Amino acid sequence: MLIGLGIFILSTPYNLKQYNRHAEAFQKQINNGYHLNFKEKCGIYGTLLIITVGDIIPFPEASIQNFYLLFPKKSKTRIFYDDDYLAAPDIQRLLNTKGKQQVAWNKWGERFNQNFRFAAAYDPCTLEVTDEGNQKKATLVTYFHYRKNYTTHNANHYLYGLFAFRIDEGLFWYLQHEGWLHPYTSVWIAKFDK
């Protein structure tokens, strides 16, 4: 187990460089109506696994959501009980507002503020705050999936160059439509004092 983990950690920079080298070409191929072969699909799937594992500490909510994207569920709804998202400034502003509110994050424009961790997982979402006795209940709902033809460039700012990579959501979107990934509605429930 430790040997496998070691190989995974050591091979991650190489795998990301390979992904960067091929991602744009794969996206063009898909956009032109061609299918990817099994090996190419496995490469994209492996990249999502690297992202999922790599996000565990800085972006735990995004990592959790990516993890569950790997497994089909008949109801296509997953419920999580966690109150960490209440710390996001964009959410805090809405905690005293009743009814369902749209929260549209600009996750990449918020890279250096406290919203970024949550925006990476919940963009876009609705938040509904209701009274439940002497507490309030916040219900955050988002449809977790990847979008067609959406690309972002990301890098670990401390190790720029070693872990710089692009995220072509369109490639993950393609795996969704091929049945390799399974989008779902994600419901996050938190209770807090009035």
N, C-alpha and C. Protein backbone atom coordinates (compact mmCIF):
# COMPACT_ATOMS: atom_id res chain seq x y z
N MET A 1 0.82 -1.19 0.00
CA MET A 1 0.00 0.00 0.00
C MET A 1 0.87 1.26 0.00
N LEU A 2 1.89 1.28 0.87
CA LEU A 2 2.79 2.43 0.93
C LEU A 2 3.61 2.58 -0.35
N ILE A 3 3.98 1.46 -0.93
CA ILE A 3 4.74 1.50 -2.19
C ILE A 3 3.87 2.11 -3.29
N GLY A 4 2.61 1.69 -3.34
CA GLY A 4 1.68 2.25 -4.34
C GLY A 4 1.47 3.73 -4.14
N LEU A 5 1.33 4.16 -2.89
CA LEU A 5 1.17 5.58 -2.60
C LEU A 5 2.41 6.35 -3.00
N GLY A 6 3.58 5.78 -2.72
CA GLY A 6 4.83 6.42 -3.11
C GLY A 6 4.95 6.58 -4.62
N ILE A 7 4.61 5.55 -5.36
CA ILE A 7 4.64 5.61 -6.83
C ILE A 7 3.66 6.68 -7.32
N PHE A 8 2.48 6.71 -6.73
CA PHE A 8 1.48 7.71 -7.11
C PHE A 8 2.02 9.12 -6.89
N ILE A 9 2.60 9.37 -5.73
CA ILE A 9 3.12 10.71 -5.41
C ILE A 9 4.27 11.09 -6.35
N LEU A 10 5.18 10.16 -6.56
CA LEU A 10 6.32 10.45 -7.42
C LEU A 10 5.94 10.63 -8.89
N SER A 11 4.90 9.94 -9.33
CA SER A 11 4.51 10.02 -10.74
C SER A 11 3.55 11.16 -11.04
N THR A 12 3.01 11.81 -10.02
CA THR A 12 2.03 12.86 -10.25
C THR A 12 2.55 13.99 -11.12
N PRO A 13 3.74 14.57 -10.86
CA PRO A 13 4.21 15.65 -11.75
C PRO A 13 4.34 15.19 -13.21
N TYR A 14 4.83 13.98 -13.42
CA TYR A 14 4.94 13.45 -14.78
C TYR A 14 3.56 13.30 -15.43
N ASN A 15 2.61 12.73 -14.68
CA ASN A 15 1.27 12.53 -15.23
C ASN A 15 0.60 13.85 -15.57
N LEU A 16 0.79 14.87 -14.72
CA LEU A 16 0.20 16.18 -15.01
C LEU A 16 0.84 16.79 -16.25
N LYS A 17 2.15 16.62 -16.41
CA LYS A 17 2.81 17.15 -17.62
C LYS A 17 2.28 16.45 -18.87
N GLN A 18 2.07 15.13 -18.79
CA GLN A 18 1.51 14.39 -19.92
C GLN A 18 0.10 14.89 -20.23
N TYR A 19 -0.69 15.08 -19.19
CA TYR A 19 -2.06 15.57 -19.38
C TYR A 19 -2.03 16.95 -20.03
N ASN A 20 -1.18 17.85 -19.53
CA ASN A 20 -1.08 19.19 -20.12
C ASN A 20 -0.73 19.13 -21.60
N ARG A 21 0.16 18.22 -21.93
CA ARG A 21 0.62 18.10 -23.30
C ARG A 21 -0.50 17.64 -24.25
N HIS A 22 -1.43 16.84 -23.74
CA HIS A 22 -2.44 16.24 -24.61
C HIS A 22 -3.85 16.83 -24.46
N ALA A 23 -4.10 17.55 -23.39
CA ALA A 23 -5.46 18.00 -23.09
C ALA A 23 -6.09 18.83 -24.21
N GLU A 24 -5.36 19.80 -24.71
CA GLU A 24 -5.92 20.66 -25.75
C GLU A 24 -6.24 19.87 -27.02
N ALA A 25 -5.36 18.95 -27.38
CA ALA A 25 -5.60 18.12 -28.57
C ALA A 25 -6.81 17.21 -28.36
N PHE A 26 -6.95 16.65 -27.17
CA PHE A 26 -8.12 15.81 -26.88
C PHE A 26 -9.40 16.62 -27.00
N GLN A 27 -9.37 17.84 -26.46
CA GLN A 27 -10.57 18.69 -26.51
C GLN A 27 -10.95 19.01 -27.95
N LYS A 28 -9.97 19.32 -28.78
CA LYS A 28 -10.24 19.60 -30.19
C LYS A 28 -10.83 18.38 -30.89
N GLN A 29 -10.29 17.22 -30.57
CA GLN A 29 -10.78 15.97 -31.15
C GLN A 29 -12.25 15.75 -30.80
N ILE A 30 -12.59 15.98 -29.53
CA ILE A 30 -13.98 15.82 -29.08
C ILE A 30 -14.88 16.84 -29.76
N ASN A 31 -14.42 18.10 -29.82
CA ASN A 31 -15.22 19.17 -30.43
C ASN A 31 -15.47 18.91 -31.92
N ASN A 32 -14.57 18.18 -32.55
CA ASN A 32 -14.74 17.86 -33.98
C ASN A 32 -15.55 16.58 -34.19
N GLY A 33 -16.11 16.03 -33.11
CA GLY A 33 -17.00 14.88 -33.23
C GLY A 33 -16.33 13.53 -33.18
N TYR A 34 -15.05 13.48 -32.87
CA TYR A 34 -14.35 12.21 -32.79
C TYR A 34 -14.35 11.70 -31.35
N HIS A 35 -14.24 10.38 -31.22
CA HIS A 35 -14.19 9.78 -29.89
C HIS A 35 -12.75 9.49 -29.49
N LEU A 36 -12.54 9.47 -28.20
CA LEU A 36 -11.23 9.11 -27.68
C LEU A 36 -11.17 7.60 -27.48
N ASN A 37 -9.95 7.05 -27.57
CA ASN A 37 -9.82 5.62 -27.34
C ASN A 37 -9.74 5.32 -25.84
N PHE A 38 -9.74 4.06 -25.50
CA PHE A 38 -9.77 3.63 -24.10
C PHE A 38 -8.59 4.18 -23.31
N LYS A 39 -7.39 4.14 -23.88
CA LYS A 39 -6.19 4.63 -23.20
C LYS A 39 -6.30 6.13 -22.93
N GLU A 40 -6.80 6.89 -23.87
CA GLU A 40 -6.95 8.34 -23.69
C GLU A 40 -7.99 8.64 -22.59
N LYS A 41 -9.08 7.89 -22.60
CA LYS A 41 -10.10 8.06 -21.55
C LYS A 41 -9.51 7.73 -20.17
N CYS A 42 -8.71 6.67 -20.10
CA CYS A 42 -8.06 6.29 -18.84
C CYS A 42 -7.12 7.40 -18.36
N GLY A 43 -6.43 8.04 -19.28
CA GLY A 43 -5.54 9.15 -18.92
C GLY A 43 -6.31 10.32 -18.31
N ILE A 44 -7.46 10.64 -18.88
CA ILE A 44 -8.29 11.73 -18.36
C ILE A 44 -8.86 11.33 -17.00
N TYR A 45 -9.33 10.10 -16.89
CA TYR A 45 -9.88 9.59 -15.64
C TYR A 45 -8.80 9.63 -14.55
N GLY A 46 -7.60 9.22 -14.90
CA GLY A 46 -6.48 9.25 -13.95
C GLY A 46 -6.16 10.66 -13.48
N THR A 47 -6.29 11.61 -14.39
CA THR A 47 -6.07 13.01 -14.01
C THR A 47 -7.10 13.46 -12.99
N LEU A 48 -8.35 13.05 -13.16
CA LEU A 48 -9.38 13.39 -12.18
C LEU A 48 -9.05 12.75 -10.83
N LEU A 49 -8.51 11.54 -10.84
CA LEU A 49 -8.09 10.91 -9.58
C LEU A 49 -6.98 11.72 -8.92
N ILE A 50 -6.02 12.19 -9.70
CA ILE A 50 -4.94 13.01 -9.16
C ILE A 50 -5.50 14.30 -8.56
N ILE A 51 -6.43 14.93 -9.26
CA ILE A 51 -7.05 16.15 -8.76
C ILE A 51 -7.80 15.87 -7.46
N THR A 52 -8.54 14.77 -7.44
CA THR A 52 -9.32 14.41 -6.25
C THR A 52 -8.41 14.21 -5.04
N VAL A 53 -7.34 13.46 -5.20
CA VAL A 53 -6.40 13.21 -4.10
C VAL A 53 -5.66 14.50 -3.73
N GLY A 54 -5.24 15.25 -4.73
CA GLY A 54 -4.50 16.49 -4.48
C GLY A 54 -5.33 17.57 -3.81
N ASP A 55 -6.64 17.51 -3.97
CA ASP A 55 -7.52 18.53 -3.39
C ASP A 55 -7.96 18.22 -1.96
N ILE A 56 -7.61 17.07 -1.43
CA ILE A 56 -8.12 16.66 -0.11
C ILE A 56 -7.83 17.70 0.96
N ILE A 57 -6.63 18.23 1.01
CA ILE A 57 -6.30 19.19 2.07
C ILE A 57 -6.74 20.61 1.71
N PRO A 58 -6.37 21.16 0.55
CA PRO A 58 -6.76 22.56 0.32
C PRO A 58 -8.25 22.74 -0.02
N PHE A 59 -8.86 21.76 -0.66
CA PHE A 59 -10.25 21.88 -1.11
C PHE A 59 -11.03 20.61 -0.78
N PRO A 60 -11.26 20.32 0.50
CA PRO A 60 -11.88 19.03 0.86
C PRO A 60 -13.28 18.84 0.27
N GLU A 61 -14.08 19.90 0.19
CA GLU A 61 -15.43 19.75 -0.36
C GLU A 61 -15.39 19.39 -1.84
N ALA A 62 -14.51 20.04 -2.60
CA ALA A 62 -14.37 19.71 -4.03
C ALA A 62 -13.85 18.29 -4.20
N SER A 63 -12.93 17.88 -3.34
CA SER A 63 -12.39 16.53 -3.41
C SER A 63 -13.48 15.50 -3.14
N ILE A 64 -14.30 15.76 -2.13
CA ILE A 64 -15.40 14.84 -1.80
C ILE A 64 -16.36 14.73 -2.98
N GLN A 65 -16.70 15.85 -3.57
CA GLN A 65 -17.66 15.83 -4.68
C GLN A 65 -17.08 15.13 -5.90
N ASN A 66 -15.80 15.35 -6.18
CA ASN A 66 -15.17 14.63 -7.28
C ASN A 66 -15.14 13.13 -7.02
N PHE A 67 -14.87 12.75 -5.78
CA PHE A 67 -14.83 11.33 -5.42
C PHE A 67 -16.16 10.66 -5.73
N TYR A 68 -17.26 11.27 -5.31
CA TYR A 68 -18.57 10.66 -5.53
C TYR A 68 -19.01 10.72 -6.98
N LEU A 69 -18.38 11.55 -7.78
CA LEU A 69 -18.65 11.61 -9.21
C LEU A 69 -18.22 10.30 -9.90
N LEU A 70 -17.32 9.58 -9.25
CA LEU A 70 -16.80 8.33 -9.81
C LEU A 70 -17.78 7.17 -9.71
N PHE A 71 -18.83 7.31 -8.87
CA PHE A 71 -19.73 6.20 -8.60
C PHE A 71 -21.17 6.56 -8.95
N PRO A 72 -21.84 5.70 -9.71
CA PRO A 72 -23.24 6.00 -10.04
C PRO A 72 -24.14 5.83 -8.81
N LYS A 73 -25.21 6.60 -8.80
CA LYS A 73 -26.23 6.46 -7.75
C LYS A 73 -27.58 6.63 -8.42
N LYS A 74 -28.48 5.71 -8.14
CA LYS A 74 -29.77 5.69 -8.81
C LYS A 74 -30.55 6.98 -8.63
N SER A 75 -30.59 7.52 -7.40
CA SER A 75 -31.38 8.73 -7.14
C SER A 75 -30.71 10.00 -7.66
N LYS A 76 -29.43 9.94 -7.96
CA LYS A 76 -28.65 11.08 -8.46
C LYS A 76 -28.65 12.26 -7.49
N THR A 77 -28.84 11.97 -6.20
CA THR A 77 -28.77 12.99 -5.15
C THR A 77 -27.91 12.44 -4.02
N ARG A 78 -27.00 13.26 -3.54
CA ARG A 78 -26.15 12.87 -2.41
C ARG A 78 -26.28 13.94 -1.33
N ILE A 79 -26.44 13.51 -0.10
CA ILE A 79 -26.65 14.42 1.02
C ILE A 79 -25.45 14.35 1.96
N PHE A 80 -24.94 15.54 2.32
CA PHE A 80 -23.80 15.65 3.21
C PHE A 80 -24.19 16.54 4.40
N TYR A 81 -23.73 16.19 5.58
CA TYR A 81 -23.97 16.99 6.77
C TYR A 81 -22.63 17.59 7.21
N ASP A 82 -22.48 18.88 6.98
CA ASP A 82 -21.21 19.55 7.28
C ASP A 82 -21.47 21.04 7.37
N ASP A 83 -20.83 21.71 8.31
CA ASP A 83 -21.07 23.15 8.44
C ASP A 83 -19.88 24.01 8.03
N ASP A 84 -18.84 23.42 7.45
CA ASP A 84 -17.67 24.20 7.07
C ASP A 84 -18.00 25.31 6.07
N TYR A 85 -18.94 25.06 5.17
CA TYR A 85 -19.24 26.06 4.15
C TYR A 85 -19.84 27.34 4.73
N LEU A 86 -20.32 27.28 5.97
CA LEU A 86 -20.87 28.48 6.60
C LEU A 86 -19.80 29.55 6.82
N ALA A 87 -18.52 29.18 6.74
CA ALA A 87 -17.42 30.13 6.93
C ALA A 87 -17.16 31.00 5.71
N ALA A 88 -17.71 30.64 4.56
CA ALA A 88 -17.48 31.42 3.34
C ALA A 88 -18.15 32.79 3.45
N PRO A 89 -17.43 33.89 3.19
CA PRO A 89 -18.03 35.22 3.30
C PRO A 89 -19.30 35.39 2.46
N ASP A 90 -19.33 34.82 1.25
CA ASP A 90 -20.52 34.95 0.41
C ASP A 90 -21.72 34.22 1.01
N ILE A 91 -21.47 33.17 1.78
CA ILE A 91 -22.55 32.45 2.46
C ILE A 91 -22.96 33.19 3.73
N GLN A 92 -21.98 33.69 4.49
CA GLN A 92 -22.29 34.39 5.74
C GLN A 92 -23.25 35.56 5.51
N ARG A 93 -23.08 36.26 4.39
CA ARG A 93 -23.97 37.40 4.08
C ARG A 93 -25.42 36.97 3.92
N LEU A 94 -25.64 35.70 3.61
CA LEU A 94 -27.01 35.22 3.35
C LEU A 94 -27.64 34.47 4.53
N LEU A 95 -26.92 34.28 5.60
CA LEU A 95 -27.42 33.45 6.70
C LEU A 95 -28.60 34.06 7.45
N ASN A 96 -28.78 35.35 7.34
CA ASN A 96 -29.92 36.00 8.00
C ASN A 96 -31.05 36.28 7.02
N THR A 97 -30.96 35.76 5.83
CA THR A 97 -31.98 35.94 4.80
C THR A 97 -32.77 34.65 4.68
N LYS A 98 -34.08 34.77 4.77
CA LYS A 98 -34.92 33.57 4.64
C LYS A 98 -35.27 33.35 3.17
N GLY A 99 -35.59 32.11 2.87
CA GLY A 99 -35.94 31.76 1.50
C GLY A 99 -34.72 31.29 0.72
N LYS A 100 -34.97 30.87 -0.50
CA LYS A 100 -33.91 30.32 -1.35
C LYS A 100 -33.19 31.46 -2.07
N GLN A 101 -31.88 31.45 -1.98
CA GLN A 101 -31.03 32.49 -2.60
C GLN A 101 -30.04 31.85 -3.57
N GLN A 102 -29.81 32.50 -4.69
CA GLN A 102 -28.78 32.06 -5.63
C GLN A 102 -27.43 32.55 -5.14
N VAL A 103 -26.43 31.68 -5.17
CA VAL A 103 -25.06 32.08 -4.85
C VAL A 103 -24.24 31.75 -6.10
N ALA A 104 -23.82 32.77 -6.80
CA ALA A 104 -23.00 32.55 -8.00
C ALA A 104 -21.58 33.00 -7.67
N TRP A 105 -20.69 32.07 -7.65
CA TRP A 105 -19.31 32.34 -7.30
C TRP A 105 -18.48 32.58 -8.56
N ASN A 106 -17.49 33.38 -8.44
CA ASN A 106 -16.47 33.49 -9.47
C ASN A 106 -15.24 32.84 -8.87
N LYS A 107 -15.18 31.51 -8.95
CA LYS A 107 -14.16 30.78 -8.20
C LYS A 107 -12.74 31.13 -8.59
N TRP A 108 -12.48 31.42 -9.83
CA TRP A 108 -11.09 31.72 -10.21
C TRP A 108 -10.74 33.16 -9.90
N GLY A 109 -11.73 34.05 -9.90
CA GLY A 109 -11.47 35.44 -9.53
C GLY A 109 -11.33 35.62 -8.04
N GLU A 110 -11.63 34.58 -7.27
CA GLU A 110 -11.59 34.68 -5.81
C GLU A 110 -10.47 33.82 -5.23
N ARG A 111 -9.45 33.60 -6.00
CA ARG A 111 -8.37 32.69 -5.62
C ARG A 111 -7.72 33.04 -4.29
N PHE A 112 -7.62 34.32 -3.98
CA PHE A 112 -6.88 34.71 -2.77
C PHE A 112 -7.78 35.16 -1.63
N ASN A 113 -9.06 34.83 -1.67
CA ASN A 113 -9.92 35.17 -0.54
C ASN A 113 -10.53 33.91 0.06
N GLN A 114 -11.31 34.08 1.09
CA GLN A 114 -11.84 32.93 1.83
C GLN A 114 -12.96 32.19 1.09
N ASN A 115 -13.43 32.73 -0.01
CA ASN A 115 -14.48 32.06 -0.77
C ASN A 115 -13.95 30.96 -1.69
N PHE A 116 -12.69 31.05 -2.05
CA PHE A 116 -12.16 30.19 -3.11
C PHE A 116 -12.34 28.70 -2.83
N ARG A 117 -12.02 28.27 -1.63
CA ARG A 117 -12.14 26.84 -1.28
C ARG A 117 -13.56 26.35 -1.52
N PHE A 118 -14.54 27.15 -1.14
CA PHE A 118 -15.93 26.74 -1.25
C PHE A 118 -16.46 26.93 -2.67
N ALA A 119 -16.02 27.99 -3.33
CA ALA A 119 -16.47 28.24 -4.69
C ALA A 119 -16.03 27.12 -5.62
N ALA A 120 -14.85 26.54 -5.36
CA ALA A 120 -14.37 25.43 -6.19
C ALA A 120 -15.31 24.24 -6.13
N ALA A 121 -16.06 24.11 -5.04
CA ALA A 121 -16.96 22.96 -4.87
C ALA A 121 -18.41 23.28 -5.19
N TYR A 122 -18.84 24.52 -4.97
CA TYR A 122 -20.27 24.81 -4.99
C TYR A 122 -20.71 25.79 -6.09
N ASP A 123 -19.91 26.01 -7.09
CA ASP A 123 -20.24 27.00 -8.11
C ASP A 123 -21.08 26.38 -9.23
N PRO A 124 -22.28 26.86 -9.49
CA PRO A 124 -23.13 27.75 -8.71
C PRO A 124 -23.98 26.92 -7.74
N CYS A 125 -24.69 27.60 -6.84
CA CYS A 125 -25.53 26.87 -5.90
C CYS A 125 -26.67 27.75 -5.42
N THR A 126 -27.60 27.12 -4.72
CA THR A 126 -28.64 27.86 -4.01
C THR A 126 -28.45 27.59 -2.53
N LEU A 127 -28.87 28.55 -1.73
CA LEU A 127 -28.82 28.41 -0.28
C LEU A 127 -30.18 28.77 0.27
N GLU A 128 -30.72 27.90 1.09
CA GLU A 128 -31.98 28.18 1.74
C GLU A 128 -31.79 28.06 3.24
N VAL A 129 -32.18 29.11 3.97
CA VAL A 129 -32.06 29.13 5.42
C VAL A 129 -33.47 29.08 6.01
N THR A 130 -33.70 28.12 6.90
CA THR A 130 -35.00 27.96 7.55
C THR A 130 -34.81 27.88 9.06
N ASP A 131 -35.87 28.19 9.79
CA ASP A 131 -35.86 28.07 11.25
C ASP A 131 -36.22 26.65 11.65
N GLU A 132 -35.49 26.12 12.62
CA GLU A 132 -35.78 24.80 13.16
C GLU A 132 -35.63 24.87 14.68
N GLY A 133 -36.70 25.28 15.35
CA GLY A 133 -36.66 25.42 16.80
C GLY A 133 -35.74 26.56 17.19
N ASN A 134 -34.77 26.27 18.07
CA ASN A 134 -33.85 27.32 18.50
C ASN A 134 -32.60 27.39 17.62
N GLN A 135 -32.64 26.71 16.48
CA GLN A 135 -31.53 26.74 15.53
C GLN A 135 -32.04 27.13 14.14
N LYS A 136 -31.09 27.42 13.28
CA LYS A 136 -31.39 27.62 11.87
C LYS A 136 -30.76 26.48 11.09
N LYS A 137 -31.37 26.17 9.96
CA LYS A 137 -30.86 25.12 9.09
C LYS A 137 -30.53 25.75 7.74
N ALA A 138 -29.30 25.57 7.32
CA ALA A 138 -28.86 26.07 6.00
C ALA A 138 -28.73 24.87 5.07
N THR A 139 -29.40 24.94 3.94
CA THR A 139 -29.34 23.86 2.95
C THR A 139 -28.76 24.42 1.66
N LEU A 140 -27.59 23.95 1.31
CA LEU A 140 -26.91 24.37 0.09
C LEU A 140 -27.09 23.27 -0.94
N VAL A 141 -27.54 23.63 -2.14
CA VAL A 141 -27.79 22.64 -3.19
C VAL A 141 -27.03 23.06 -4.45
N THR A 142 -26.31 22.12 -5.02
CA THR A 142 -25.61 22.37 -6.27
C THR A 142 -25.67 21.11 -7.13
N TYR A 143 -25.73 21.30 -8.43
CA TYR A 143 -25.65 20.17 -9.35
C TYR A 143 -24.19 20.00 -9.70
N PHE A 144 -23.57 18.91 -9.23
CA PHE A 144 -22.14 18.73 -9.43
C PHE A 144 -21.89 17.97 -10.73
N HIS A 145 -21.24 18.66 -11.65
CA HIS A 145 -20.93 18.11 -12.96
C HIS A 145 -19.82 18.94 -13.59
N TYR A 146 -19.36 18.50 -14.72
CA TYR A 146 -18.38 19.27 -15.48
C TYR A 146 -19.04 19.85 -16.72
N ARG A 147 -18.54 21.03 -17.12
CA ARG A 147 -19.13 21.76 -18.23
C ARG A 147 -18.37 21.52 -19.53
N LYS A 148 -19.08 21.60 -20.62
CA LYS A 148 -18.49 21.40 -21.93
C LYS A 148 -17.66 22.63 -22.31
N ASN A 149 -16.46 22.38 -22.84
CA ASN A 149 -15.60 23.43 -23.37
C ASN A 149 -15.27 24.54 -22.38
N TYR A 150 -15.01 24.19 -21.13
CA TYR A 150 -14.63 25.16 -20.13
C TYR A 150 -13.22 24.80 -19.64
N THR A 151 -12.28 25.72 -19.80
CA THR A 151 -10.89 25.45 -19.45
C THR A 151 -10.40 26.48 -18.43
N THR A 152 -9.69 26.01 -17.43
CA THR A 152 -9.02 26.91 -16.49
C THR A 152 -7.56 26.49 -16.39
N HIS A 153 -6.73 27.45 -16.10
CA HIS A 153 -5.31 27.17 -15.89
C HIS A 153 -5.05 27.34 -14.40
N ASN A 154 -4.43 26.36 -13.80
CA ASN A 154 -4.24 26.36 -12.37
C ASN A 154 -2.79 26.04 -12.07
N ALA A 155 -2.34 26.49 -10.92
CA ALA A 155 -0.98 26.16 -10.51
C ALA A 155 -0.87 26.31 -9.01
N ASN A 156 -0.08 25.48 -8.44
CA ASN A 156 0.29 25.66 -7.05
C ASN A 156 1.30 26.79 -7.05
N HIS A 157 0.99 27.88 -6.38
CA HIS A 157 1.82 29.07 -6.47
C HIS A 157 3.19 28.89 -5.83
N TYR A 158 3.34 27.94 -4.93
CA TYR A 158 4.62 27.71 -4.28
C TYR A 158 5.52 26.81 -5.12
N LEU A 159 4.91 25.97 -5.93
CA LEU A 159 5.68 25.03 -6.75
C LEU A 159 5.35 25.25 -8.23
N TYR A 160 5.22 26.51 -8.62
CA TYR A 160 4.83 26.81 -9.99
C TYR A 160 5.80 26.15 -10.97
N GLY A 161 5.27 25.56 -11.98
CA GLY A 161 6.08 24.86 -12.97
C GLY A 161 6.06 23.36 -12.74
N LEU A 162 6.25 22.95 -11.50
CA LEU A 162 6.23 21.52 -11.19
C LEU A 162 4.80 20.99 -11.21
N PHE A 163 3.87 21.76 -10.64
CA PHE A 163 2.49 21.31 -10.56
C PHE A 163 1.52 22.20 -11.32
N ALA A 164 2.02 22.96 -12.28
CA ALA A 164 1.13 23.80 -13.09
C ALA A 164 0.37 22.88 -14.05
N PHE A 165 -0.92 23.09 -14.16
CA PHE A 165 -1.70 22.29 -15.09
C PHE A 165 -2.97 23.02 -15.48
N ARG A 166 -3.52 22.60 -16.58
CA ARG A 166 -4.77 23.15 -17.06
C ARG A 166 -5.88 22.15 -16.74
N ILE A 167 -7.06 22.68 -16.49
CA ILE A 167 -8.19 21.81 -16.26
C ILE A 167 -9.17 22.03 -17.40
N ASP A 168 -9.26 21.07 -18.27
CA ASP A 168 -10.22 21.11 -19.36
C ASP A 168 -11.47 20.38 -18.90
N GLU A 169 -12.42 21.15 -18.37
CA GLU A 169 -13.65 20.52 -17.88
C GLU A 169 -14.37 19.78 -19.00
N GLY A 170 -14.17 20.21 -20.22
CA GLY A 170 -14.80 19.55 -21.36
C GLY A 170 -14.39 18.09 -21.49
N LEU A 171 -13.17 17.76 -21.05
CA LEU A 171 -12.73 16.36 -21.10
C LEU A 171 -13.47 15.53 -20.07
N PHE A 172 -13.69 16.11 -18.88
CA PHE A 172 -14.47 15.40 -17.87
C PHE A 172 -15.94 15.34 -18.27
N TRP A 173 -16.41 16.41 -18.93
CA TRP A 173 -17.78 16.41 -19.47
C TRP A 173 -17.94 15.25 -20.46
N TYR A 174 -16.93 15.06 -21.29
CA TYR A 174 -16.94 13.95 -22.26
C TYR A 174 -17.05 12.61 -21.53
N LEU A 175 -16.28 12.43 -20.45
CA LEU A 175 -16.36 11.17 -19.69
C LEU A 175 -17.73 11.00 -19.06
N GLN A 176 -18.37 12.10 -18.67
CA GLN A 176 -19.74 12.02 -18.16
C GLN A 176 -20.67 11.44 -19.22
N HIS A 177 -20.55 11.95 -20.43
CA HIS A 177 -21.44 11.51 -21.51
C HIS A 177 -21.07 10.12 -22.03
N GLU A 178 -19.88 9.67 -21.70
CA GLU A 178 -19.48 8.30 -22.05
C GLU A 178 -19.85 7.32 -20.92
N GLY A 179 -20.37 7.83 -19.81
CA GLY A 179 -20.78 6.98 -18.70
C GLY A 179 -19.67 6.64 -17.71
N TRP A 180 -18.53 7.30 -17.81
CA TRP A 180 -17.43 7.05 -16.90
C TRP A 180 -17.56 7.86 -15.61
N LEU A 181 -18.20 9.02 -15.68
CA LEU A 181 -18.43 9.89 -14.52
C LEU A 181 -19.92 10.09 -14.37
N HIS A 182 -20.38 10.35 -13.15
CA HIS A 182 -21.81 10.33 -12.87
C HIS A 182 -22.24 11.60 -12.12
N PRO A 183 -22.71 12.63 -12.85
CA PRO A 183 -23.14 13.87 -12.21
C PRO A 183 -24.30 13.62 -11.24
N TYR A 184 -24.41 14.49 -10.25
CA TYR A 184 -25.45 14.31 -9.24
C TYR A 184 -25.77 15.66 -8.60
N THR A 185 -26.91 15.70 -7.93
CA THR A 185 -27.27 16.87 -7.13
C THR A 185 -26.68 16.68 -5.75
N SER A 186 -25.93 17.67 -5.31
CA SER A 186 -25.25 17.62 -4.04
C SER A 186 -25.98 18.53 -3.05
N VAL A 187 -26.39 17.97 -1.91
CA VAL A 187 -27.12 18.72 -0.89
C VAL A 187 -26.27 18.73 0.38
N TRP A 188 -25.91 19.93 0.85
CA TRP A 188 -25.10 20.09 2.05
C TRP A 188 -25.97 20.75 3.12
N ILE A 189 -26.12 20.10 4.25
CA ILE A 189 -26.99 20.58 5.32
C ILE A 189 -26.16 20.94 6.55
N ALA A 190 -26.44 22.13 7.10
CA ALA A 190 -25.75 22.57 8.32
C ALA A 190 -26.75 23.23 9.24
N LYS A 191 -26.59 23.01 10.52
CA LYS A 191 -27.42 23.70 11.52
C LYS A 191 -26.54 24.61 12.33
N PHE A 192 -27.10 25.76 12.73
CA PHE A 192 -26.32 26.71 13.51
C PHE A 192 -27.29 27.49 14.42
N ASP A 193 -26.73 28.10 15.45
CA ASP A 193 -27.54 28.84 16.42
C ASP A 193 -28.08 30.12 15.79
N LYS A 194 -29.27 30.50 16.24
CA LYS A 194 -29.88 31.74 15.75
C LYS A 194 -29.12 32.96 16.25
